[in-house]
N, C-alpha and C. Protein backbone atom coordinates (compact mmCIF):
# COMPACT_ATOMS: atom_id res chain seq x y z
N UNK A 1 3.55 4.74 -25.64
CA UNK A 1 3.00 4.68 -24.78
C UNK A 1 2.14 6.02 -25.23
N UNK A 2 1.90 6.09 -26.56
CA UNK A 2 1.35 7.31 -26.91
C UNK A 2 -0.30 7.40 -26.28
N UNK A 3 -0.82 6.42 -26.19
CA UNK A 3 -2.20 6.36 -25.68
C UNK A 3 -2.30 6.75 -24.48
N UNK A 4 -1.46 6.55 -24.04
CA UNK A 4 -1.85 6.66 -22.43
C UNK A 4 -2.45 8.44 -21.69
N UNK A 5 -3.46 8.23 -20.88
CA UNK A 5 -3.57 9.41 -20.51
C UNK A 5 -3.82 9.63 -19.20
N UNK A 6 -3.69 8.60 -18.28
CA UNK A 6 -4.12 8.29 -16.55
C UNK A 6 -2.86 7.35 -16.05
N UNK A 7 -2.55 7.71 -15.02
CA UNK A 7 -1.63 7.01 -14.63
C UNK A 7 -2.28 6.86 -13.31
N UNK A 8 -2.45 5.23 -12.67
CA UNK A 8 -2.88 4.52 -11.37
C UNK A 8 -2.04 4.69 -10.63
N UNK A 9 -2.07 4.61 -9.27
CA UNK A 9 -1.27 4.13 -8.49
C UNK A 9 -1.74 3.08 -7.05
N UNK A 10 -0.84 2.07 -7.09
CA UNK A 10 -1.26 1.69 -5.58
C UNK A 10 -0.02 2.62 -4.69
N UNK A 11 -0.45 2.46 -3.38
CA UNK A 11 0.11 2.96 -2.14
C UNK A 11 1.03 2.60 -1.30
N UNK A 12 0.70 1.62 -1.12
CA UNK A 12 1.58 0.63 -0.01
C UNK A 12 2.86 -0.24 -0.38
N UNK A 13 4.37 0.33 -0.10
CA UNK A 13 5.23 0.15 -0.72
C UNK A 13 5.49 0.57 -2.50
N UNK A 14 4.46 1.10 -2.53
CA UNK A 14 4.47 1.71 -3.93
C UNK A 14 4.49 3.66 -3.97
N UNK A 15 4.08 3.84 -3.19
CA UNK A 15 4.47 5.88 -3.17
C UNK A 15 4.69 5.72 -1.76
N UNK A 16 3.81 4.99 -0.40
CA UNK A 16 4.27 5.14 0.72
C UNK A 16 5.33 4.15 1.40
N UNK A 17 6.43 4.21 2.22
CA UNK A 17 6.94 3.62 2.80
C UNK A 17 6.31 2.72 3.89
N UNK A 18 5.66 1.93 4.07
CA UNK A 18 4.64 0.94 4.92
C UNK A 18 5.74 0.40 5.64
N UNK A 19 6.76 -0.04 5.23
CA UNK A 19 7.95 -1.09 6.45
C UNK A 19 7.91 0.11 7.27
N UNK A 20 8.51 0.98 6.83
CA UNK A 20 9.09 2.01 7.98
C UNK A 20 7.76 2.68 8.79
N UNK A 21 6.44 2.74 7.95
CA UNK A 21 5.66 3.45 8.88
C UNK A 21 4.97 1.67 9.99
N UNK A 22 5.00 0.88 9.67
CA UNK A 22 4.99 -0.13 10.55
C UNK A 22 6.12 -0.40 11.81
N UNK A 23 7.20 -0.22 11.55
CA UNK A 23 8.23 0.24 12.20
C UNK A 23 8.18 0.82 13.45
N UNK A 24 7.46 2.24 12.95
CA UNK A 24 7.12 3.37 13.77
C UNK A 24 6.16 2.76 14.61
N UNK A 25 5.11 2.12 14.25
CA UNK A 25 3.93 1.53 15.18
C UNK A 25 4.34 0.36 15.60
N UNK A 26 5.41 -0.25 15.72
CA UNK A 26 5.66 -1.40 16.38
C UNK A 26 6.37 -0.49 17.98
N UNK A 27 7.48 0.22 17.65
CA UNK A 27 7.40 0.99 18.42
C UNK A 27 7.03 1.77 19.71
N UNK A 28 5.96 2.68 18.83
CA UNK A 28 4.94 2.87 19.17
C UNK A 28 3.61 1.88 20.24
N UNK A 29 3.45 0.73 19.66
CA UNK A 29 2.96 0.08 20.61
C UNK A 29 2.98 -0.72 21.39
N UNK A 30 5.22 -1.14 21.51
CA UNK A 30 5.30 -1.50 22.50
C UNK A 30 5.69 -0.41 23.32
N UNK A 31 6.03 0.47 23.33
CA UNK A 31 6.26 1.49 24.16
C UNK A 31 5.15 1.61 25.09
N UNK A 32 3.66 1.86 24.70
CA UNK A 32 2.83 1.88 25.32
C UNK A 32 2.49 0.88 26.40
N UNK A 33 2.90 -0.13 26.17
CA UNK A 33 2.00 -1.64 26.78
C UNK A 33 2.98 -2.33 27.61
N UNK A 34 4.49 -2.16 27.14
CA UNK A 34 5.35 -2.59 27.85
C UNK A 34 5.58 -2.23 29.55
N UNK A 35 5.29 -1.08 29.75
CA UNK A 35 5.17 -1.07 31.21
C UNK A 35 4.46 -1.96 32.09
N UNK A 36 2.87 -1.96 31.70
CA UNK A 36 2.06 -2.80 32.52
C UNK A 36 2.67 -4.12 32.08
N UNK A 37 2.88 -4.37 30.69
CA UNK A 37 2.87 -5.67 30.37
C UNK A 37 4.10 -6.13 29.71
N UNK A 38 5.49 -6.72 30.75
CA UNK A 38 6.69 -7.07 30.15
C UNK A 38 6.37 -7.95 29.51
N UNK A 39 7.64 -7.83 28.29
CA UNK A 39 8.20 -8.99 27.52
C UNK A 39 9.14 -9.32 27.66
N UNK A 40 9.08 -10.80 27.32
CA UNK A 40 10.44 -11.64 28.22
C UNK A 40 11.39 -11.99 27.14
N UNK A 41 11.60 -11.28 25.72
CA UNK A 41 12.37 -11.37 24.65
C UNK A 41 13.15 -10.38 24.34
N UNK A 42 14.09 -9.95 23.34
CA UNK A 42 14.72 -9.09 23.16
C UNK A 42 13.71 -7.73 22.42
N UNK A 43 13.48 -6.64 22.27
CA UNK A 43 13.10 -5.76 21.66
C UNK A 43 13.09 -6.22 20.27
N UNK A 44 13.83 -6.30 19.39
CA UNK A 44 14.87 -6.12 18.30
C UNK A 44 13.75 -7.29 17.76
N UNK A 45 14.05 -8.38 18.56
CA UNK A 45 13.68 -10.29 18.41
C UNK A 45 11.78 -9.76 18.61
N UNK A 46 11.18 -9.02 19.36
CA UNK A 46 9.63 -8.92 19.30
C UNK A 46 9.39 -8.23 17.97
N UNK A 47 10.20 -7.02 17.29
CA UNK A 47 9.89 -6.50 16.25
C UNK A 47 9.81 -7.28 15.09
N UNK A 48 10.99 -8.28 15.21
CA UNK A 48 11.13 -8.81 14.13
C UNK A 48 9.60 -9.75 13.99
N UNK A 49 9.24 -10.66 15.10
CA UNK A 49 8.18 -11.24 15.04
C UNK A 49 7.10 -10.78 14.94
N UNK A 50 6.90 -9.37 15.47
CA UNK A 50 5.80 -8.66 14.77
C UNK A 50 5.63 -8.51 13.29
N UNK A 51 6.87 -8.04 12.88
CA UNK A 51 6.73 -7.98 11.56
C UNK A 51 6.80 -9.50 10.07
N UNK A 52 6.99 -10.44 10.84
CA UNK A 52 6.75 -11.48 10.53
C UNK A 52 5.22 -11.76 10.43
N UNK A 53 4.63 -11.49 11.93
CA UNK A 53 3.11 -11.99 11.91
C UNK A 53 2.44 -10.73 10.41
N UNK A 54 2.75 -9.88 10.58
CA UNK A 54 2.17 -8.55 10.06
C UNK A 54 2.30 -8.37 8.39
N UNK A 55 3.29 -9.31 7.84
CA UNK A 55 3.44 -10.30 6.51
C UNK A 55 3.22 -9.37 5.26
N UNK A 56 3.74 -8.01 5.78
CA UNK A 56 4.02 -6.61 4.85
C UNK A 56 2.16 -5.92 4.57
N UNK A 57 1.54 -6.49 5.45
CA UNK A 57 0.29 -5.99 5.92
C UNK A 57 -0.99 -7.20 5.27
N UNK A 58 -0.42 -8.52 4.71
CA UNK A 58 -1.24 -9.63 4.02
C UNK A 58 -1.09 -10.48 5.10
N UNK A 59 -0.78 -10.16 6.62
CA UNK A 59 -1.16 -11.75 7.51
C UNK A 59 -2.62 -11.38 8.21
N UNK A 60 -3.19 -10.54 8.29
CA UNK A 60 -4.46 -10.43 8.60
C UNK A 60 -4.45 -10.41 9.91
N UNK A 61 -5.51 -9.17 10.13
CA UNK A 61 -5.49 -8.30 10.87
C UNK A 61 -6.39 -8.71 12.52
N UNK A 62 -7.42 -9.93 12.15
CA UNK A 62 -7.34 -10.56 12.92
C UNK A 62 -6.66 -11.67 13.63
N UNK A 63 -5.46 -11.95 12.53
CA UNK A 63 -4.58 -12.89 13.59
C UNK A 63 -3.79 -12.52 14.20
N UNK A 64 -3.25 -11.14 14.15
CA UNK A 64 -2.15 -10.68 14.50
C UNK A 64 -2.12 -11.24 16.45
N UNK A 65 -3.30 -10.53 17.18
CA UNK A 65 -3.32 -10.88 18.51
C UNK A 65 -3.14 -12.27 19.00
N UNK A 66 -3.59 -12.77 18.46
CA UNK A 66 -3.17 -14.61 18.55
C UNK A 66 -2.01 -15.03 18.25
N UNK A 67 -1.17 -14.44 17.21
CA UNK A 67 0.23 -14.69 17.04
C UNK A 67 1.06 -13.81 18.24
N UNK A 68 0.54 -12.85 18.35
CA UNK A 68 1.27 -11.98 19.80
C UNK A 68 1.94 -12.83 20.92
N UNK A 69 0.16 -12.99 21.24
CA UNK A 69 -0.04 -13.68 22.36
C UNK A 69 1.16 -15.02 22.84
N UNK A 70 1.45 -15.18 21.65
CA UNK A 70 2.34 -16.56 22.03
C UNK A 70 4.02 -16.16 22.19
N UNK A 71 4.10 -14.80 22.92
CA UNK A 71 5.32 -14.21 22.74
C UNK A 71 5.06 -12.96 23.75
N UNK A 72 4.02 -12.62 23.77
CA UNK A 72 4.03 -11.37 24.67
C UNK A 72 2.40 -11.39 25.00
N UNK A 73 2.20 -11.56 26.44
CA UNK A 73 0.50 -11.82 26.49
C UNK A 73 -0.05 -10.17 27.09
N UNK A 74 -0.78 -9.96 26.10
CA UNK A 74 -1.40 -8.51 26.41
C UNK A 74 -3.16 -9.34 26.63
N UNK A 75 -3.66 -7.78 27.09
CA UNK A 75 -4.91 -8.39 27.48
C UNK A 75 -6.27 -7.36 26.05
N UNK A 76 -5.26 -7.88 24.99
CA UNK A 76 -6.30 -7.32 23.98
C UNK A 76 -6.88 -7.93 23.02
N UNK A 77 -8.23 -7.93 22.68
CA UNK A 77 -8.94 -8.71 21.67
C UNK A 77 -8.40 -8.31 20.51
N UNK A 78 -8.88 -9.09 19.56
CA UNK A 78 -8.15 -8.87 17.88
C UNK A 78 -8.80 -7.83 17.54
N UNK A 79 -10.70 -7.32 17.94
CA UNK A 79 -10.99 -6.32 17.75
C UNK A 79 -10.67 -5.03 18.20
N UNK A 80 -10.26 -5.02 19.19
CA UNK A 80 -9.39 -3.99 20.22
C UNK A 80 -8.37 -3.89 19.61
N UNK A 81 -7.69 -4.78 19.20
CA UNK A 81 -6.26 -4.19 18.16
C UNK A 81 -6.08 -3.58 17.22
N UNK A 82 -7.37 -4.29 16.40
CA UNK A 82 -7.51 -3.67 15.27
C UNK A 82 -8.08 -1.97 15.36
N UNK A 83 -8.92 -1.85 16.22
CA UNK A 83 -9.38 -0.81 16.54
C UNK A 83 -8.52 0.23 16.96
N UNK A 84 -7.69 -0.05 17.56
CA UNK A 84 -6.23 0.97 18.19
C UNK A 84 -5.19 0.97 17.01
N UNK A 85 -4.92 0.25 15.99
CA UNK A 85 -3.98 0.02 15.32
C UNK A 85 -4.20 0.89 13.89
N UNK A 86 -5.98 1.25 13.64
CA UNK A 86 -6.68 2.11 12.47
C UNK A 86 -6.38 3.25 12.99
N UNK A 87 -6.28 3.49 14.33
CA UNK A 87 -6.51 4.97 14.99
C UNK A 87 -5.47 5.46 14.94
N UNK A 88 -4.13 4.88 14.68
CA UNK A 88 -2.89 5.80 14.96
C UNK A 88 -2.47 5.48 13.38
N UNK A 89 -2.18 4.13 12.99
CA UNK A 89 -1.53 3.87 11.80
C UNK A 89 -1.32 4.53 10.59
N UNK A 90 -2.05 5.10 10.03
CA UNK A 90 -1.83 6.42 9.24
C UNK A 90 -0.69 7.34 9.43
N UNK A 91 -0.97 7.79 10.89
CA UNK A 91 -0.08 8.98 10.72
C UNK A 91 1.28 8.70 11.22
N UNK A 92 1.72 7.48 10.86
CA UNK A 92 3.09 6.98 11.07
C UNK A 92 3.53 6.93 8.98
N UNK A 93 2.36 7.57 8.26
CA UNK A 93 2.85 7.58 6.94
C UNK A 93 4.15 8.32 6.28
N UNK A 94 5.43 7.57 5.58
CA UNK A 94 5.87 8.97 5.05
C UNK A 94 5.86 8.09 3.58
N UNK A 95 6.14 9.00 2.85
CA UNK A 95 6.50 8.60 1.19
C UNK A 95 7.84 8.39 0.66
N UNK A 96 8.07 7.36 -0.10
CA UNK A 96 9.34 7.19 -0.58
C UNK A 96 9.91 8.28 -1.07
N UNK A 97 11.23 8.86 -0.51
CA UNK A 97 11.99 9.98 -1.01
C UNK A 97 12.02 10.52 -2.35
N UNK A 98 11.37 9.53 -3.30
CA UNK A 98 11.38 10.05 -4.88
C UNK A 98 10.33 10.15 -5.13
N UNK A 99 8.80 10.00 -4.59
CA UNK A 99 7.24 9.77 -4.58
C UNK A 99 7.26 11.61 -5.13
N UNK A 100 7.35 12.49 -4.42
CA UNK A 100 6.53 13.75 -4.66
C UNK A 100 7.32 14.21 -5.88
N UNK A 101 8.63 13.92 -6.39
CA UNK A 101 9.75 14.29 -7.45
C UNK A 101 8.73 14.00 -8.69
N UNK A 102 8.32 12.23 -8.20
CA UNK A 102 7.84 11.46 -9.33
C UNK A 102 6.33 12.20 -10.09
N UNK A 103 5.63 12.20 -8.94
CA UNK A 103 4.26 12.64 -9.12
C UNK A 103 4.24 14.17 -9.73
N UNK A 104 4.85 15.01 -9.40
CA UNK A 104 5.17 16.63 -10.01
C UNK A 104 5.28 16.28 -11.26
N UNK A 105 6.22 15.48 -11.93
CA UNK A 105 6.62 15.53 -13.07
C UNK A 105 5.49 14.75 -13.85
N UNK A 106 4.63 13.73 -13.57
CA UNK A 106 3.55 13.19 -14.08
C UNK A 106 2.54 13.88 -13.83
N UNK A 107 2.30 14.86 -13.18
CA UNK A 107 0.70 15.45 -13.14
C UNK A 107 0.71 16.29 -14.34
N UNK A 108 1.79 16.68 -14.67
CA UNK A 108 1.83 18.01 -16.09
C UNK A 108 1.47 16.94 -17.03
N UNK A 109 1.36 15.97 -17.23
CA UNK A 109 1.43 14.82 -18.58
C UNK A 109 -0.01 14.30 -18.80
N UNK A 110 -0.24 13.65 -17.40
CA UNK A 110 -1.12 12.82 -17.12
C UNK A 110 -1.98 13.02 -15.72
N UNK A 111 -3.12 12.49 -16.22
CA UNK A 111 -4.33 12.25 -14.82
C UNK A 111 -3.64 11.38 -14.04
N UNK A 112 -4.29 11.61 -12.75
CA UNK A 112 -3.55 10.60 -11.75
C UNK A 112 -4.24 10.22 -10.72
N UNK A 113 -4.26 9.06 -10.60
CA UNK A 113 -5.21 8.56 -9.65
C UNK A 113 -4.62 7.32 -8.66
N UNK A 114 -5.71 7.01 -7.26
CA UNK A 114 -5.01 5.95 -6.84
C UNK A 114 -6.41 4.73 -6.37
N UNK A 115 -5.81 3.58 -6.43
CA UNK A 115 -6.55 2.24 -5.98
C UNK A 115 -5.54 1.84 -4.80
N UNK A 116 -6.49 1.45 -3.52
CA UNK A 116 -5.72 0.85 -2.54
C UNK A 116 -6.55 0.12 -2.08
N UNK A 117 -6.60 -0.78 -1.81
CA UNK A 117 -7.02 -1.54 -0.36
C UNK A 117 -7.09 -1.39 0.65
N UNK A 118 -7.60 -1.97 1.58
CA UNK A 118 -7.77 -1.17 3.18
C UNK A 118 -8.86 -0.23 3.74
N UNK A 119 -8.41 -0.08 4.88
CA UNK A 119 -9.79 0.91 5.78
C UNK A 119 -9.52 2.26 5.11
N UNK A 120 -11.11 3.22 4.92
CA UNK A 120 -10.49 4.03 4.51
C UNK A 120 -9.97 5.27 5.20
N UNK A 121 -10.00 4.98 6.74
CA UNK A 121 -9.41 6.31 7.88
C UNK A 121 -8.40 5.81 7.73
N UNK A 122 -7.91 4.78 7.41
CA UNK A 122 -6.15 4.89 7.48
C UNK A 122 -5.52 4.88 6.12
N UNK A 123 -6.11 4.83 4.92
CA UNK A 123 -5.06 4.78 3.81
C UNK A 123 -5.49 6.32 3.08
N UNK A 124 -6.65 6.95 3.81
CA UNK A 124 -6.70 8.48 3.45
C UNK A 124 -5.55 8.78 4.33
N UNK A 125 -5.65 8.68 5.29
CA UNK A 125 -4.69 9.61 6.30
C UNK A 125 -2.84 9.37 5.80
N UNK A 126 -3.05 7.85 5.79
CA UNK A 126 -1.49 7.62 4.86
C UNK A 126 -0.85 8.87 3.67
N UNK A 127 -2.61 8.62 2.80
CA UNK A 127 -1.98 9.88 1.47
C UNK A 127 -2.29 11.65 2.29
N UNK A 128 -2.39 11.45 3.07
CA UNK A 128 -2.76 13.24 3.79
C UNK A 128 -1.48 13.30 4.41
N UNK A 129 -1.01 12.19 5.28
CA UNK A 129 0.21 12.71 5.99
C UNK A 129 1.26 12.66 5.72
N UNK A 130 1.50 11.36 4.55
CA UNK A 130 3.05 11.66 3.22
C UNK A 130 2.78 12.64 2.28
N UNK A 131 1.51 13.74 2.64
CA UNK A 131 1.72 14.87 1.64
C UNK A 131 1.88 14.94 0.23
N UNK A 132 1.08 13.48 -0.24
CA UNK A 132 0.76 13.13 -1.70
C UNK A 132 -0.91 13.52 -1.78
N UNK A 133 -1.71 14.20 -1.46
CA UNK A 133 -2.83 13.93 -1.60
C UNK A 133 -3.36 15.05 -2.54
N UNK A 134 -2.41 15.99 -2.64
CA UNK A 134 -2.67 16.98 -3.87
C UNK A 134 -2.77 16.67 -5.36
N UNK A 135 -1.87 15.45 -5.40
CA UNK A 135 -1.52 15.25 -6.82
C UNK A 135 -2.53 14.54 -7.35
N UNK A 136 -3.22 13.57 -7.02
CA UNK A 136 -4.54 12.91 -7.36
C UNK A 136 -5.72 13.49 -8.14
N UNK A 137 -6.31 13.25 -8.77
CA UNK A 137 -7.73 13.85 -9.48
C UNK A 137 -8.83 12.87 -8.86
N UNK A 138 -8.05 11.54 -8.51
CA UNK A 138 -8.92 10.67 -8.05
C UNK A 138 -9.10 9.29 -6.79
N UNK A 139 -8.95 9.18 -6.13
CA UNK A 139 -8.65 8.33 -4.91
C UNK A 139 -9.86 7.35 -4.66
N UNK A 140 -9.77 6.15 -4.58
CA UNK A 140 -10.41 5.08 -4.53
C UNK A 140 -10.03 3.94 -3.73
N UNK A 141 -10.63 3.76 -2.13
CA UNK A 141 -10.18 3.24 -1.29
C UNK A 141 -11.11 1.93 -1.49
N UNK A 142 -10.92 0.43 -1.32
CA UNK A 142 -11.88 -0.35 -1.11
C UNK A 142 -12.75 -0.56 0.11
N UNK A 143 -12.86 -0.10 0.96
CA UNK A 143 -13.64 -0.07 1.96
C UNK A 143 -14.82 0.64 1.70
N UNK A 144 -15.08 1.83 0.90
CA UNK A 144 -15.48 2.75 0.39
C UNK A 144 -16.07 2.22 -0.63
N UNK A 145 -15.37 1.71 -1.52
CA UNK A 145 -15.72 1.05 -3.25
C UNK A 145 -16.82 -0.39 -2.82
N UNK A 146 -16.72 -1.09 -1.52
CA UNK A 146 -17.49 -2.06 -1.58
C UNK A 146 -16.88 -3.68 -2.34
N UNK A 147 -15.49 -2.93 -3.26
CA UNK A 147 -15.27 -4.12 -4.18
C UNK A 147 -13.32 -3.46 -3.98
N UNK A 148 -12.54 -5.01 -3.90
CA UNK A 148 -10.91 -4.59 -3.45
C UNK A 148 -10.01 -5.40 -4.92
N UNK A 149 -9.22 -4.51 -4.67
CA UNK A 149 -8.09 -5.71 -6.31
C UNK A 149 -7.86 -6.71 -5.92
N UNK A 150 -7.76 -7.84 -6.55
CA UNK A 150 -7.73 -7.67 -7.99
C UNK A 150 -9.31 -7.40 -8.64
N UNK A 151 -10.11 -7.69 -7.94
CA UNK A 151 -11.63 -7.14 -9.12
C UNK A 151 -11.33 -6.74 -10.23
N UNK A 152 -11.73 -6.40 -11.14
CA UNK A 152 -11.50 -5.91 -12.22
C UNK A 152 -12.52 -4.60 -12.40
N UNK A 153 -13.73 -4.75 -10.99
CA UNK A 153 -14.74 -3.81 -11.05
C UNK A 153 -14.12 -2.42 -10.52
N UNK A 154 -13.10 -2.31 -9.70
CA UNK A 154 -12.42 -1.33 -9.03
C UNK A 154 -11.35 -0.78 -9.77
N UNK A 155 -10.85 -1.02 -10.73
CA UNK A 155 -10.19 -0.43 -11.84
C UNK A 155 -11.08 -0.14 -13.07
N UNK A 156 -12.02 -0.59 -13.09
CA UNK A 156 -12.84 0.09 -14.02
C UNK A 156 -13.82 1.18 -13.48
N UNK A 157 -13.67 1.56 -11.82
CA UNK A 157 -14.41 2.37 -11.50
C UNK A 157 -13.58 3.68 -11.37
N UNK A 158 -12.20 2.98 -11.27
CA UNK A 158 -11.38 4.88 -11.34
C UNK A 158 -11.10 4.98 -12.70
N UNK A 159 -11.37 3.81 -14.08
CA UNK A 159 -11.49 4.68 -15.18
C UNK A 159 -12.25 5.53 -15.24
N UNK A 160 -13.65 5.39 -15.01
CA UNK A 160 -15.00 5.96 -14.89
C UNK A 160 -14.85 7.13 -14.40
N UNK A 161 -14.15 7.47 -13.14
CA UNK A 161 -13.86 8.27 -12.28
C UNK A 161 -13.04 9.04 -13.32
N UNK A 162 -11.93 8.86 -13.91
CA UNK A 162 -10.69 9.41 -14.59
C UNK A 162 -11.46 10.17 -16.11
N UNK A 163 -12.51 9.06 -16.15
CA UNK A 163 -13.34 9.97 -17.97
C UNK A 163 -11.96 9.21 -18.53
N UNK A 164 -11.51 7.89 -18.70
CA UNK A 164 -10.35 7.25 -19.85
C UNK A 164 -11.35 6.03 -19.94
N UNK A 165 -10.67 5.03 -20.94
CA UNK A 165 -10.86 3.92 -20.86
C UNK A 165 -9.57 3.05 -20.45
N UNK A 166 -9.84 2.12 -20.17
CA UNK A 166 -8.52 0.69 -19.30
C UNK A 166 -7.53 0.91 -20.38
N UNK A 167 -7.14 0.90 -21.20
CA UNK A 167 -6.27 1.06 -22.49
C UNK A 167 -5.65 2.37 -22.64
N UNK A 168 -6.36 3.45 -21.93
CA UNK A 168 -5.54 4.55 -21.55
C UNK A 168 -4.83 4.69 -20.54
N UNK A 169 -5.04 3.94 -19.99
CA UNK A 169 -4.55 3.78 -18.43
C UNK A 169 -3.20 3.29 -18.21
N UNK A 170 -1.99 3.09 -17.39
CA UNK A 170 -1.56 2.17 -16.69
C UNK A 170 -1.86 2.38 -14.84
N UNK A 171 -1.12 1.50 -14.45
CA UNK A 171 -1.69 1.05 -13.16
C UNK A 171 -0.18 0.58 -12.65
N UNK A 172 0.47 1.11 -11.89
CA UNK A 172 2.03 0.60 -11.21
C UNK A 172 1.25 0.57 -9.48
N UNK A 173 2.22 -0.76 -9.22
CA UNK A 173 2.14 -1.07 -8.27
C UNK A 173 2.90 -2.47 -7.54
N UNK A 174 3.19 -2.68 -6.52
CA UNK A 174 4.29 -3.75 -6.34
C UNK A 174 3.33 -4.83 -5.93
N UNK A 175 2.60 -5.21 -5.28
CA UNK A 175 2.01 -6.86 -5.27
C UNK A 175 1.57 -7.37 -6.67
N UNK A 176 2.07 -8.46 -6.96
CA UNK A 176 1.90 -8.71 -8.30
C UNK A 176 0.10 -9.45 -8.02
N UNK A 177 -0.05 -10.50 -7.34
CA UNK A 177 -1.80 -11.14 -7.33
C UNK A 177 -2.80 -9.85 -7.65
N UNK A 178 -2.77 -8.72 -6.45
CA UNK A 178 -3.85 -7.33 -6.49
C UNK A 178 -3.17 -6.49 -7.15
N UNK A 179 -2.55 -6.45 -7.53
CA UNK A 179 -1.78 -5.16 -8.94
C UNK A 179 -1.79 -5.63 -9.91
N UNK A 180 -1.05 -6.11 -9.89
CA UNK A 180 -0.55 -6.97 -11.79
C UNK A 180 -1.66 -7.61 -12.19
N UNK A 181 -1.83 -8.75 -11.47
CA UNK A 181 -3.08 -9.60 -12.07
C UNK A 181 -4.23 -8.78 -12.27
N UNK A 182 -4.49 -7.81 -11.23
CA UNK A 182 -5.40 -7.45 -11.29
C UNK A 182 -5.81 -6.03 -12.37
N UNK A 183 -4.73 -5.32 -12.82
CA UNK A 183 -4.40 -4.70 -14.28
C UNK A 183 -4.83 -5.42 -15.30
N UNK A 184 -4.05 -6.26 -15.09
CA UNK A 184 -4.28 -7.20 -16.68
C UNK A 184 -5.37 -7.50 -16.79
N UNK A 185 -6.13 -8.23 -15.69
CA UNK A 185 -7.68 -8.57 -15.78
C UNK A 185 -8.30 -7.86 -16.29
N UNK A 186 -8.26 -6.18 -16.27
CA UNK A 186 -8.84 -5.11 -16.86
C UNK A 186 -8.53 -4.25 -17.80
N UNK A 187 -7.66 -5.47 -18.14
CA UNK A 187 -7.08 -4.28 -19.39
C UNK A 187 -6.31 -3.20 -19.48
N UNK A 188 -5.82 -2.95 -18.37
CA UNK A 188 -4.99 -1.93 -17.95
C UNK A 188 -3.07 -2.18 -18.19
N UNK A 189 -2.63 -1.70 -18.70
CA UNK A 189 -0.80 -1.95 -18.61
C UNK A 189 -0.78 -1.87 -17.53
N UNK A 190 0.21 -2.86 -16.83
CA UNK A 190 0.90 -2.84 -15.86
C UNK A 190 2.51 -2.55 -15.50
N UNK A 191 2.73 -1.52 -14.86
CA UNK A 191 4.18 -1.30 -14.16
C UNK A 191 3.92 -1.90 -12.92
N UNK A 192 5.14 -3.10 -12.97
CA UNK A 192 5.46 -3.92 -11.76
C UNK A 192 6.67 -3.22 -10.93
N UNK A 193 6.35 -2.64 -9.76
CA UNK A 193 7.56 -2.49 -8.99
C UNK A 193 8.09 -3.36 -8.45
N UNK A 194 9.05 -4.42 -8.77
CA UNK A 194 9.88 -5.67 -8.14
C UNK A 194 11.04 -5.50 -8.18
N UNK A 195 11.43 -5.82 -7.08
CA UNK A 195 13.09 -5.54 -7.33
C UNK A 195 13.60 -7.42 -7.04
N UNK A 196 12.61 -8.11 -7.22
CA UNK A 196 13.11 -9.68 -7.35
C UNK A 196 13.15 -10.32 -8.73
N UNK A 197 14.16 -10.35 -9.45
CA UNK A 197 13.75 -10.55 -11.03
C UNK A 197 13.02 -11.61 -11.37
N UNK A 198 13.31 -12.76 -10.28
CA UNK A 198 13.07 -14.14 -10.62
C UNK A 198 11.57 -14.48 -10.23
N UNK A 199 11.11 -13.45 -9.48
CA UNK A 199 9.59 -13.81 -8.88
C UNK A 199 8.66 -13.28 -10.43
N UNK A 200 7.87 -14.43 -10.40
CA UNK A 200 6.80 -14.18 -11.41
C UNK A 200 7.34 -14.19 -12.83
N UNK A 201 8.43 -14.85 -13.48
CA UNK A 201 8.93 -14.89 -14.51
C UNK A 201 8.11 -15.20 -15.82
N UNK A 202 6.72 -15.47 -15.70
CA UNK A 202 5.77 -15.79 -16.46
C UNK A 202 5.89 -14.21 -17.28
N UNK A 203 5.39 -12.76 -16.55
CA UNK A 203 5.01 -12.10 -16.36
C UNK A 203 6.77 -11.15 -17.35
N UNK A 204 5.95 -10.69 -18.68
CA UNK A 204 6.56 -10.31 -19.59
C UNK A 204 6.12 -8.73 -19.93
N UNK A 205 5.65 -8.00 -18.78
CA UNK A 205 5.27 -7.21 -19.09
C UNK A 205 6.86 -5.93 -18.18
N UNK A 206 6.05 -4.38 -18.10
CA UNK A 206 7.08 -3.63 -17.50
C UNK A 206 7.33 -4.00 -16.06
N UNK A 207 8.81 -4.23 -15.83
CA UNK A 207 9.00 -3.92 -14.52
C UNK A 207 10.21 -3.34 -13.91
N UNK A 208 10.12 -2.51 -12.93
CA UNK A 208 11.13 -1.22 -12.63
C UNK A 208 11.54 -1.29 -11.23
N UNK A 209 12.37 -1.35 -10.37
CA UNK A 209 12.92 -1.23 -9.13
C UNK A 209 12.97 -0.03 -8.64
N UNK A 210 12.81 1.20 -9.23
CA UNK A 210 12.48 2.37 -8.27
C UNK A 210 11.31 3.31 -8.98
N UNK A 211 10.32 4.39 -8.35
CA UNK A 211 9.65 5.18 -8.82
C UNK A 211 9.87 5.93 -10.33
N UNK A 212 11.71 6.39 -9.81
CA UNK A 212 12.27 7.12 -11.05
C UNK A 212 12.42 6.85 -12.38
N UNK A 213 11.94 5.20 -12.72
CA UNK A 213 12.11 4.99 -13.77
C UNK A 213 11.00 5.71 -14.67
N UNK A 214 9.74 5.80 -13.92
CA UNK A 214 8.61 6.22 -14.67
C UNK A 214 8.88 7.36 -15.46
N UNK A 215 9.80 8.02 -15.01
CA UNK A 215 10.33 8.84 -15.92
C UNK A 215 10.90 8.92 -17.31
N UNK A 216 11.08 7.96 -17.87
CA UNK A 216 12.14 7.55 -18.49
C UNK A 216 10.92 6.48 -19.48
N UNK A 217 9.78 5.96 -18.60
CA UNK A 217 8.99 4.96 -19.02
C UNK A 217 7.63 5.87 -19.67
N UNK A 218 7.23 7.13 -19.20
CA UNK A 218 6.11 7.66 -19.27
C UNK A 218 6.45 9.18 -19.40
């Protein structure tokens, strides 16, 4: 990869442990509302159900309350839930243990960027709270750019901001349909953080199971 000049990252479940953040949010949400609106199932079961609805962030925020109300009746509309969720979710962000060390290693060798789908306030707060904001030369959030992964336009935007061509970048992400397929569509070399070797067997590119492996690749 001698021609590579920039490394662009996804955020959730790539640099930031979204699963841990969502668990913290569940505890916050349950503790806030359970005194006035008791639930009838075990707390761990409720958290498991909330996690299932969330589907790692791909379950659809508008679907969350209708599904949650099947087991726990709360007087919140979908829009009220989304507003509350967005007001606090970024504050629960935590970087993966190896993230800062890997970013420190890479930033002396490459330009670093971020492309992340989501609400600007939430995603930017995640990056700030996780303590990784200073590592990046460019950060793109889909709400601000009005285009989202896997659309090639958002990848081209990042390359333009970093002053490079697509073939001079790699993109590191965990979600194949948005991150890997999106990077391929834009002519960027993808590096897939994947812990399931049987997933998308047709993909013959680079797979890693840990951020630390980037030190050997780049």
